[in-house]
PDB file of N, CA and C in Angstrom:
ATOM      1  N   MET A   1      29.596 107.745 105.938  1.00  0.00           N
ATOM      2  CA  MET A   1      29.402 107.042 104.697  1.00  0.00           C
ATOM      3  C   MET A   1      30.488 107.424 103.703  1.00  0.00           C
ATOM      4  N   GLN A   2      30.788 108.690 103.642  1.00  0.00           N
ATOM      5  CA  GLN A   2      31.780 109.155 102.682  1.00  0.00           C
ATOM      6  C   GLN A   2      33.155 108.581 103.000  1.00  0.00           C
ATOM      7  N   SER A   3      33.481 108.461 104.274  1.00  0.00           N
ATOM      8  CA  SER A   3      34.808 107.989 104.656  1.00  0.00           C
ATOM      9  C   SER A   3      35.027 106.510 104.347  1.00  0.00           C
ATOM     10  N   VAL A   4      33.976 105.731 104.191  1.00  0.00           N
ATOM     11  CA  VAL A   4      34.131 104.312 103.863  1.00  0.00           C
ATOM     12  C   VAL A   4      33.832 104.021 102.399  1.00  0.00           C
ATOM     13  N   GLY A   5      33.617 105.063 101.593  1.00  0.00           N
ATOM     14  CA  GLY A   5      33.486 104.889 100.156  1.00  0.00           C
ATOM     15  C   GLY A   5      32.073 104.739  99.620  1.00  0.00           C
ATOM     16  N   ILE A   6      31.056 104.961 100.452  1.00  0.00           N
ATOM     17  CA  ILE A   6      29.678 104.899  99.958  1.00  0.00           C
ATOM     18  C   ILE A   6      29.420 106.177  99.175  1.00  0.00           C
ATOM     19  N   LYS A   7      28.993 106.026  97.928  1.00  0.00           N
ATOM     20  CA  LYS A   7      28.817 107.188  97.064  1.00  0.00           C
ATOM     21  C   LYS A   7      27.368 107.582  96.869  1.00  0.00           C
ATOM     22  N   ARG A   8      26.455 106.638  96.996  1.00  0.00           N
ATOM     23  CA  ARG A   8      25.037 106.927  96.761  1.00  0.00           C
ATOM     24  C   ARG A   8      24.219 106.158  97.781  1.00  0.00           C
ATOM     25  N   VAL A   9      23.162 106.797  98.305  1.00  0.00           N
ATOM     26  CA  VAL A   9      22.287 106.145  99.279  1.00  0.00           C
ATOM     27  C   VAL A   9      20.843 106.168  98.783  1.00  0.00           C
ATOM     28  N   PHE A  10      20.097 105.158  99.184  1.00  0.00           N
ATOM     29  CA  PHE A  10      18.693 105.018  98.816  1.00  0.00           C
ATOM     30  C   PHE A  10      17.887 104.837 100.092  1.00  0.00           C
ATOM     31  N   TRP A  11      16.679 105.391 100.120  1.00  0.00           N
ATOM     32  CA  TRP A  11      15.795 105.243 101.265  1.00  0.00           C
ATOM     33  C   TRP A  11      14.359 105.386 100.799  1.00  0.00           C
ATOM     34  N   THR A  12      13.448 105.008 101.684  1.00  0.00           N
ATOM     35  CA  THR A  12      12.033 105.192 101.374  1.00  0.00           C
ATOM     36  C   THR A  12      11.467 106.294 102.246  1.00  0.00           C
ATOM     37  N   THR A  13      10.508 107.016 101.704  1.00  0.00           N
ATOM     38  CA  THR A  13       9.829 108.057 102.460  1.00  0.00           C
ATOM     39  C   THR A  13       8.739 107.410 103.298  1.00  0.00           C
ATOM     40  N   ASP A  14       8.074 108.205 104.113  1.00  0.00           N
ATOM     41  CA  ASP A  14       6.991 107.661 104.936  1.00  0.00           C
ATOM     42  C   ASP A  14       5.799 107.216 104.101  1.00  0.00           C
ATOM     43  N   THR A  15       5.753 107.627 102.829  1.00  0.00           N
ATOM     44  CA  THR A  15       4.684 107.171 101.936  1.00  0.00           C
ATOM     45  C   THR A  15       5.114 105.950 101.126  1.00  0.00           C
ATOM     46  N   GLY A  16       6.343 105.484 101.309  1.00  0.00           N
ATOM     47  CA  GLY A  16       6.824 104.290 100.628  1.00  0.00           C
ATOM     48  C   GLY A  16       7.511 104.533  99.299  1.00  0.00           C
ATOM     49  N   GLU A  17       7.716 105.790  98.923  1.00  0.00           N
ATOM     50  CA  GLU A  17       8.398 106.108  97.667  1.00  0.00           C
ATOM     51  C   GLU A  17       9.911 106.062  97.859  1.00  0.00           C
ATOM     52  N   TRP A  18      10.615 105.515  96.865  1.00  0.00           N
ATOM     53  CA  TRP A  18      12.070 105.455  96.922  1.00  0.00           C
ATOM     54  C   TRP A  18      12.681 106.786  96.512  1.00  0.00           C
ATOM     55  N   GLU A  19      13.726 107.168  97.232  1.00  0.00           N
ATOM     56  CA  GLU A  19      14.507 108.357  96.890  1.00  0.00           C
ATOM     57  C   GLU A  19      15.975 107.981  96.967  1.00  0.00           C
ATOM     58  N   CYS A  20      16.822 108.774  96.311  1.00  0.00           N
ATOM     59  CA  CYS A  20      18.259 108.533  96.392  1.00  0.00           C
ATOM     60  C   CYS A  20      18.994 109.869  96.332  1.00  0.00           C
ATOM     61  N   ALA A  21      20.229 109.833  96.760  1.00  0.00           N
ATOM     62  CA  ALA A  21      21.069 111.026  96.709  1.00  0.00           C
ATOM     63  C   ALA A  21      22.527 110.602  96.754  1.00  0.00           C
ATOM     64  N   LYS A  22      23.362 111.448  96.205  1.00  0.00           N
ATOM     65  CA  LYS A  22      24.797 111.225  96.331  1.00  0.00           C
ATOM     66  C   LYS A  22      25.223 111.673  97.725  1.00  0.00           C
ATOM     67  N   VAL A  23      26.083 110.892  98.345  1.00  0.00           N
ATOM     68  CA  VAL A  23      26.556 111.216  99.689  1.00  0.00           C
ATOM     69  C   VAL A  23      27.248 112.577  99.680  1.00  0.00           C
ATOM     70  N   ARG A  24      27.999 112.858  98.626  1.00  0.00           N
ATOM     71  CA  ARG A  24      28.683 114.153  98.515  1.00  0.00           C
ATOM     72  C   ARG A  24      27.684 115.303  98.560  1.00  0.00           C
ATOM     73  N   ASP A  25      26.543 115.154  97.866  1.00  0.00           N
ATOM     74  CA  ASP A  25      25.520 116.202  97.870  1.00  0.00           C
ATOM     75  C   ASP A  25      24.894 116.363  99.251  1.00  0.00           C
ATOM     76  N   LEU A  26      24.690 115.253  99.944  1.00  0.00           N
ATOM     77  CA  LEU A  26      24.133 115.338 101.300  1.00  0.00           C
ATOM     78  C   LEU A  26      25.102 116.021 102.259  1.00  0.00           C
ATOM     79  N   VAL A  27      26.377 115.691 102.136  1.00  0.00           N
ATOM     80  CA  VAL A  27      27.387 116.330 102.981  1.00  0.00           C
ATOM     81  C   VAL A  27      27.451 117.825 102.684  1.00  0.00           C
ATOM     82  N   ASP A  28      27.448 118.188 101.400  1.00  0.00           N
ATOM     83  CA  ASP A  28      27.455 119.601 101.023  1.00  0.00           C
ATOM     84  C   ASP A  28      26.215 120.311 101.570  1.00  0.00           C
ATOM     85  N   ALA A  29      25.074 119.649 101.500  1.00  0.00           N
ATOM     86  CA  ALA A  29      23.834 120.244 101.989  1.00  0.00           C
ATOM     87  C   ALA A  29      23.901 120.478 103.496  1.00  0.00           C
ATOM     88  N   LEU A  30      24.463 119.529 104.220  1.00  0.00           N
ATOM     89  CA  LEU A  30      24.574 119.702 105.673  1.00  0.00           C
ATOM     90  C   LEU A  30      25.567 120.798 106.026  1.00  0.00           C
ATOM     91  N   GLU A  31      26.660 120.890 105.268  1.00  0.00           N
ATOM     92  CA  GLU A  31      27.656 121.928 105.540  1.00  0.00           C
ATOM     93  C   GLU A  31      27.139 123.314 105.202  1.00  0.00           C
ATOM     94  N   ASN A  32      26.256 123.420 104.212  1.00  0.00           N
ATOM     95  CA  ASN A  32      25.714 124.705 103.777  1.00  0.00           C
ATOM     96  C   ASN A  32      24.254 124.855 104.188  1.00  0.00           C
ATOM     97  N   LEU A  33      23.942 124.411 105.372  1.00  0.00           N
ATOM     98  CA  LEU A  33      22.564 124.361 105.834  1.00  0.00           C
ATOM     99  C   LEU A  33      21.863 125.707 105.747  1.00  0.00           C
ATOM    100  N   GLY A  34      22.565 126.783 105.976  1.00  0.00           N
ATOM    101  CA  GLY A  34      21.934 128.093 105.951  1.00  0.00           C
ATOM    102  C   GLY A  34      21.971 128.781 104.603  1.00  0.00           C
ATOM    103  N   ALA A  35      22.509 128.131 103.589  1.00  0.00           N
ATOM    104  CA  ALA A  35      22.654 128.759 102.274  1.00  0.00           C
ATOM    105  C   ALA A  35      21.299 128.938 101.608  1.00  0.00           C
ATOM    106  N   VAL A  36      21.090 130.114 101.048  1.00  0.00           N
ATOM    107  CA  VAL A  36      19.827 130.429 100.383  1.00  0.00           C
ATOM    108  C   VAL A  36      19.830 129.942  98.941  1.00  0.00           C
ATOM    109  N   ASP A  37      21.000 129.836  98.329  1.00  0.00           N
ATOM    110  CA  ASP A  37      21.075 129.509  96.903  1.00  0.00           C
ATOM    111  C   ASP A  37      21.002 128.014  96.598  1.00  0.00           C
ATOM    112  N   MET A  38      20.549 127.195  97.546  1.00  0.00           N
ATOM    113  CA  MET A  38      20.437 125.754  97.343  1.00  0.00           C
ATOM    114  C   MET A  38      18.991 125.321  97.556  1.00  0.00           C
ATOM    115  N   PRO A  39      18.115 125.488  96.564  1.00  0.00           N
ATOM    116  CA  PRO A  39      16.693 125.191  96.751  1.00  0.00           C
ATOM    117  C   PRO A  39      16.386 123.727  97.008  1.00  0.00           C
ATOM    118  N   ASP A  40      17.187 122.800  96.483  1.00  0.00           N
ATOM    119  CA  ASP A  40      16.920 121.384  96.691  1.00  0.00           C
ATOM    120  C   ASP A  40      17.371 120.889  98.055  1.00  0.00           C
ATOM    121  N   VAL A  41      18.147 121.685  98.761  1.00  0.00           N
ATOM    122  CA  VAL A  41      18.653 121.270 100.062  1.00  0.00           C
ATOM    123  C   VAL A  41      17.518 121.048 101.048  1.00  0.00           C
ATOM    124  N   ALA A  42      16.566 121.944 101.087  1.00  0.00           N
ATOM    125  CA  ALA A  42      15.458 121.796 102.034  1.00  0.00           C
ATOM    126  C   ALA A  42      14.684 120.520 101.769  1.00  0.00           C
ATOM    127  N   THR A  43      14.461 120.194 100.516  1.00  0.00           N
ATOM    128  CA  THR A  43      13.754 118.964 100.176  1.00  0.00           C
ATOM    129  C   THR A  43      14.567 117.752 100.588  1.00  0.00           C
ATOM    130  N   THR A  44      15.860 117.765 100.291  1.00  0.00           N
ATOM    131  CA  THR A  44      16.718 116.635 100.636  1.00  0.00           C
ATOM    132  C   THR A  44      16.815 116.457 102.143  1.00  0.00           C
ATOM    133  N   LEU A  45      17.066 117.541 102.858  1.00  0.00           N
ATOM    134  CA  LEU A  45      17.259 117.438 104.300  1.00  0.00           C
ATOM    135  C   LEU A  45      15.964 117.178 105.059  1.00  0.00           C
ATOM    136  N   SER A  46      14.826 117.506 104.486  1.00  0.00           N
ATOM    137  CA  SER A  46      13.577 117.236 105.193  1.00  0.00           C
ATOM    138  C   SER A  46      13.310 115.745 105.275  1.00  0.00           C
ATOM    139  N   ASN A  47      13.998 114.954 104.467  1.00  0.00           N
ATOM    140  CA  ASN A  47      13.811 113.512 104.466  1.00  0.00           C
ATOM    141  C   ASN A  47      14.932 112.770 105.185  1.00  0.00           C
ATOM    142  N   VAL A  48      15.870 113.487 105.793  1.00  0.00           N
ATOM    143  CA  VAL A  48      16.989 112.850 106.467  1.00  0.00           C
ATOM    144  C   VAL A  48      16.598 112.538 107.906  1.00  0.00           C
ATOM    145  N   PHE A  49      16.801 111.291 108.294  1.00  0.00           N
ATOM    146  CA  PHE A  49      16.524 110.863 109.660  1.00  0.00           C
ATOM    147  C   PHE A  49      17.834 110.466 110.304  1.00  0.00           C
ATOM    148  N   VAL A  50      18.148 111.051 111.436  1.00  0.00           N
ATOM    149  CA  VAL A  50      19.398 110.764 112.125  1.00  0.00           C
ATOM    150  C   VAL A  50      19.068 110.166 113.479  1.00  0.00           C
ATOM    151  N   THR A  51      19.678 109.025 113.775  1.00  0.00           N
ATOM    152  CA  THR A  51      19.444 108.383 115.067  1.00  0.00           C
ATOM    153  C   THR A  51      20.342 108.997 116.139  1.00  0.00           C
ATOM    154  N   LYS A  52      20.026 108.724 117.372  1.00  0.00           N
ATOM    155  CA  LYS A  52      20.821 109.228 118.490  1.00  0.00           C
ATOM    156  C   LYS A  52      22.254 108.687 118.390  1.00  0.00           C
ATOM    157  N   HIS A  53      22.386 107.433 117.992  1.00  0.00           N
ATOM    158  CA  HIS A  53      23.709 106.826 117.836  1.00  0.00           C
ATOM    159  C   HIS A  53      24.554 107.605 116.835  1.00  0.00           C
ATOM    160  N   GLU A  54      23.954 107.980 115.704  1.00  0.00           N
ATOM    161  CA  GLU A  54      24.688 108.728 114.685  1.00  0.00           C
ATOM    162  C   GLU A  54      25.111 110.094 115.196  1.00  0.00           C
ATOM    163  N   VAL A  55      24.246 110.743 115.961  1.00  0.00           N
ATOM    164  CA  VAL A  55      24.597 112.041 116.541  1.00  0.00           C
ATOM    165  C   VAL A  55      25.771 111.887 117.493  1.00  0.00           C
ATOM    166  N   LEU A  56      25.737 110.857 118.336  1.00  0.00           N
ATOM    167  CA  LEU A  56      26.837 110.633 119.276  1.00  0.00           C
ATOM    168  C   LEU A  56      28.136 110.308 118.539  1.00  0.00           C
ATOM    169  N   MET A  57      28.053 109.535 117.469  1.00  0.00           N
ATOM    170  CA  MET A  57      29.252 109.227 116.681  1.00  0.00           C
ATOM    171  C   MET A  57      29.807 110.481 116.011  1.00  0.00           C
ATOM    172  N   LEU A  58      28.936 111.339 115.483  1.00  0.00           N
ATOM    173  CA  LEU A  58      29.384 112.594 114.877  1.00  0.00           C
ATOM    174  C   LEU A  58      30.043 113.486 115.918  1.00  0.00           C
ATOM    175  N   ARG A  59      29.444 113.561 117.103  1.00  0.00           N
ATOM    176  CA  ARG A  59      30.028 114.373 118.168  1.00  0.00           C
ATOM    177  C   ARG A  59      31.429 113.861 118.530  1.00  0.00           C
ATOM    178  N   ARG A  60      31.568 112.545 118.606  1.00  0.00           N
ATOM    179  CA  ARG A  60      32.874 111.974 118.943  1.00  0.00           C
ATOM    180  C   ARG A  60      33.880 112.265 117.839  1.00  0.00           C
ATOM    181  N   THR A  61      33.464 112.107 116.581  1.00  0.00           N
ATOM    182  CA  THR A  61      34.341 112.347 115.443  1.00  0.00           C
ATOM    183  C   THR A  61      34.788 113.809 115.397  1.00  0.00           C
ATOM    184  N   MET A  62      33.897 114.726 115.740  1.00  0.00           N
ATOM    185  CA  MET A  62      34.220 116.141 115.665  1.00  0.00           C
ATOM    186  C   MET A  62      34.894 116.656 116.935  1.00  0.00           C
ATOM    187  N   GLY A  63      35.108 115.773 117.921  1.00  0.00           N
ATOM    188  CA  GLY A  63      35.818 116.158 119.118  1.00  0.00           C
ATOM    189  C   GLY A  63      34.984 116.876 120.164  1.00  0.00           C
ATOM    190  N   TYR A  64      33.667 116.683 120.140  1.00  0.00           N
ATOM    191  CA  TYR A  64      32.799 117.339 121.123  1.00  0.00           C
ATOM    192  C   TYR A  64      32.520 116.474 122.341  1.00  0.00           C
ATOM    193  N   ASP A  65      33.221 115.357 122.469  1.00  0.00           N
ATOM    194  CA  ASP A  65      33.019 114.484 123.622  1.00  0.00           C
ATOM    195  C   ASP A  65      33.681 115.004 124.862  1.00  0.00           C
TER     196      ASP A  65
END
């Protein structure tokens, strides 16, 4: 998303509530997954759903193919 210029994403939770986040914040959260000083990261990442296709694309992009 970041590479094509998407700056903000919106999604619904399983209860139907809308949430949003900046793509930059999501990328930072994924890169600092083990960081203790980011309390909102767990909340943000608990709502992230990744499909098998996205995992395969990430693996290809990162050279793990």
